[in-house]
Amino acid sequence: MNESWVTVVGNAATRPDFWETAAGVAVARFRLAVTVRRWDRGRDAWADAYTSFYTVWTWRSLAANVAGSVSLGEPLVVHGTLRVREREWDRERERERDRPLQGEGGGGGREGGAAVPPAPGGDSGGGAHQPRRWVTAEIDAVAVGHDLTRGTSAFRRVSQAKPLLNTPTGATSP
């Protein structure tokens, strides 16, 4: 399956949230703000244009390292696969769910066209209840680091702890 690999440079817009799944897999998530800068010839200076926000997902050792290294507002470089999804919040059922984007087949990628939500009343069964919908851009990161064009960083290698073997010593513990 073809995936869209991206490298994005921006600032941490939130502190990383860190947790472990029921299977013990470490997960960290944070938001990344990316502001486009353009040269304004009229003012002879750089000017900020629009800002895009991405939800960055990290897993396993990268998640633990991101949680221990990334703080709010820090400049970062993120590399990973891009996913664009339509999300829906169903108020009656109080739950969130993914919705396939228009032009997205059952297991295939996007076939082109913009992600446009259906017209009101299109698939909700009519009536006054309309679920809230939005589009998210998410990056499944394989690498996250500080942007060293904007400051310095001190690297600390994390050693992988080896499990201690439980060998009998003849002593009893209290």
Protein backbone atom coordinates (compact mmCIF):
# COMPACT_ATOMS: atom_id res chain seq x y z
CA MET A 1 0.00 0.00 0.00
CA ASN A 2 1.32 3.44 -0.86
CA GLU A 3 1.72 5.81 2.04
CA SER A 4 2.50 9.50 2.08
CA TRP A 5 5.78 10.06 3.91
CA VAL A 6 6.24 13.61 5.20
CA THR A 7 8.81 15.62 7.11
CA VAL A 8 7.24 18.53 8.95
CA VAL A 9 8.98 21.36 10.83
CA GLY A 10 7.00 23.23 13.48
CA ASN A 11 6.45 23.83 17.20
CA ALA A 12 4.93 21.58 19.86
CA ALA A 13 1.45 23.06 20.37
CA THR A 14 0.65 20.76 23.33
CA ARG A 15 2.60 18.78 25.88
CA PRO A 16 2.85 15.10 24.95
CA ASP A 17 0.18 12.82 26.43
CA PHE A 18 1.75 9.49 27.43
CA TRP A 19 0.07 6.19 28.31
CA GLU A 20 0.44 2.45 27.85
CA THR A 21 -2.06 0.26 26.06
CA ALA A 22 -3.59 -2.81 27.72
CA ALA A 23 -0.88 -4.85 25.98
CA GLY A 24 1.84 -2.68 27.57
CA VAL A 25 2.77 -0.72 24.42
CA ALA A 26 3.89 2.86 25.14
CA VAL A 27 2.01 5.60 23.22
CA ALA A 28 2.57 9.36 23.15
CA ARG A 29 0.53 11.94 21.28
CA PHE A 30 0.98 15.69 20.84
CA ARG A 31 -0.12 18.47 18.50
CA LEU A 32 2.33 20.18 16.16
CA ALA A 33 1.75 23.72 14.84
CA VAL A 34 3.30 24.51 11.46
CA THR A 35 3.21 28.13 10.32
CA VAL A 36 4.01 28.99 6.71
CA ARG A 37 6.34 31.98 6.29
CA ARG A 38 6.54 33.96 3.08
CA TRP A 39 8.81 36.78 1.94
CA ASP A 40 6.81 40.01 1.69
CA ARG A 41 8.50 42.12 -1.02
CA GLY A 42 6.42 45.17 -0.14
CA ARG A 43 7.69 45.25 3.46
CA ASP A 44 11.01 43.61 2.62
CA ALA A 45 10.53 41.16 5.51
CA TRP A 46 9.28 37.68 6.33
CA ALA A 47 5.57 37.43 7.18
CA ASP A 48 3.60 34.60 8.78
CA ALA A 49 0.84 33.12 6.63
CA TYR A 50 -1.53 30.35 7.82
CA THR A 51 -0.91 27.74 10.53
CA SER A 52 -1.69 24.03 10.12
CA PHE A 53 -2.03 21.66 13.07
CA TYR A 54 -1.11 17.97 13.04
CA THR A 55 -1.68 15.29 15.66
CA VAL A 56 1.58 13.36 16.00
CA TRP A 57 1.41 9.73 17.21
CA THR A 58 4.50 7.94 18.53
CA TRP A 59 4.85 4.36 19.73
CA ARG A 60 7.11 2.20 21.91
CA SER A 61 10.57 3.61 22.71
CA LEU A 62 9.97 6.71 20.56
CA ALA A 63 6.87 7.46 22.66
CA ALA A 64 8.79 7.21 25.93
CA ASN A 65 11.59 9.39 24.59
CA VAL A 66 9.16 12.01 23.23
CA ALA A 67 7.36 12.14 26.58
CA GLY A 68 10.67 12.76 28.36
CA SER A 69 12.13 15.19 25.83
CA VAL A 70 9.44 17.38 24.24
CA SER A 71 7.96 20.42 25.95
CA LEU A 72 5.30 22.91 24.91
CA GLY A 73 6.50 25.42 22.31
CA GLU A 74 9.74 23.66 21.39
CA PRO A 75 10.77 23.65 17.70
CA LEU A 76 10.61 20.12 16.27
CA VAL A 77 11.22 18.13 13.10
CA VAL A 78 8.79 15.19 12.66
CA HIS A 79 9.10 12.45 10.02
CA GLY A 80 6.43 9.81 9.41
CA THR A 81 3.36 8.78 7.43
CA LEU A 82 0.49 11.20 6.90
CA ARG A 83 -3.15 10.20 7.43
CA VAL A 84 -6.08 12.51 6.74
CA ARG A 85 -9.33 11.38 8.38
CA GLU A 86 -12.84 12.61 8.83
CA ARG A 87 -13.93 12.24 12.45
CA GLU A 88 -17.43 12.31 13.88
CA TRP A 89 -18.76 12.91 17.38
CA ASP A 90 -22.16 11.34 17.93
CA ARG A 91 -23.82 13.35 20.70
CA GLU A 92 -26.55 10.78 21.37
CA ARG A 93 -24.13 7.90 21.83
CA GLU A 94 -21.37 10.13 23.30
CA ARG A 95 -18.65 8.55 21.22
CA GLU A 96 -16.18 9.44 18.51
CA ARG A 97 -15.61 7.42 15.37
CA ASP A 98 -13.71 7.54 12.10
CA ARG A 99 -15.59 8.00 8.86
CA PRO A 100 -14.12 7.11 5.47
CA LEU A 101 -13.37 10.17 3.36
CA GLN A 102 -15.27 10.56 0.11
CA GLY A 103 -13.33 8.76 -2.59
CA GLU A 104 -11.76 6.39 -0.05
CA GLY A 105 -12.60 2.76 -0.60
CA GLY A 106 -12.85 0.04 2.00
CA GLY A 107 -9.13 -0.62 2.28
CA GLY A 108 -7.62 1.59 -0.38
CA GLY A 109 -6.06 5.01 -0.24
CA ARG A 110 -7.58 8.29 -1.28
CA GLU A 111 -8.46 8.40 -4.93
CA GLY A 112 -8.38 12.17 -5.22
CA GLY A 113 -10.76 14.99 -4.45
CA ALA A 114 -11.09 17.02 -1.30
CA ALA A 115 -12.54 15.63 1.88
CA VAL A 116 -16.01 17.11 1.90
CA PRO A 117 -18.55 16.09 4.53
CA PRO A 118 -21.96 15.04 3.23
CA ALA A 119 -24.69 17.66 3.06
CA PRO A 120 -26.71 18.11 6.27
CA GLY A 121 -29.24 15.34 6.66
CA GLY A 122 -27.40 13.25 4.08
CA ASP A 123 -26.62 10.13 6.12
CA SER A 124 -27.78 10.80 9.65
CA GLY A 125 -31.33 9.60 9.13
CA GLY A 126 -32.77 13.13 9.01
CA GLY A 127 -34.26 14.85 12.01
CA ALA A 128 -32.70 17.43 14.29
CA HIS A 129 -29.79 15.27 15.45
CA GLN A 130 -26.67 16.07 13.42
CA PRO A 131 -23.33 14.61 14.49
CA ARG A 132 -20.38 17.00 14.63
CA ARG A 133 -17.79 16.25 11.93
CA TRP A 134 -14.26 17.47 11.30
CA VAL A 135 -11.15 16.52 9.32
CA THR A 136 -7.86 15.74 11.06
CA ALA A 137 -4.33 15.41 9.75
CA GLU A 138 -2.29 12.88 11.72
CA ILE A 139 1.33 11.78 11.45
CA ASP A 140 2.48 8.34 12.59
CA ALA A 141 6.02 9.39 13.46
CA VAL A 142 9.11 7.25 13.03
CA ALA A 143 11.44 10.09 14.09
CA VAL A 144 11.02 13.23 16.20
CA GLY A 145 13.82 15.64 17.04
CA HIS A 146 14.53 19.21 18.01
CA ASP A 147 15.05 21.69 15.16
CA LEU A 148 18.71 22.57 15.64
CA THR A 149 18.51 25.53 13.25
CA ARG A 150 16.65 27.29 16.07
CA GLY A 151 18.62 26.22 19.14
CA THR A 152 20.79 23.58 20.75
CA SER A 153 19.95 20.25 22.32
CA ALA A 154 21.77 17.75 24.56
CA PHE A 155 21.38 14.11 23.54
CA ARG A 156 21.27 11.39 26.21
CA ARG A 157 21.29 7.77 25.09
CA VAL A 158 18.74 5.60 26.85
CA SER A 159 19.96 2.09 27.57
CA GLN A 160 17.52 -0.73 27.24
CA ALA A 161 17.27 -2.40 30.64
CA LYS A 162 17.79 -6.14 30.64
CA PRO A 163 15.51 -8.15 32.90
CA LEU A 164 17.16 -9.49 36.01
CA LEU A 165 17.04 -13.22 36.35
CA ASN A 166 15.47 -14.39 39.57
CA THR A 167 18.20 -16.63 41.01
CA PRO A 168 17.76 -18.27 44.40
CA THR A 169 20.16 -16.90 47.03
CA GLY A 170 18.99 -18.93 49.97
CA ALA A 171 17.85 -15.80 51.81
CA THR A 172 14.23 -15.10 52.56
CA SER A 173 12.67 -11.71 52.12
CA PRO A 174 10.62 -10.16 54.93
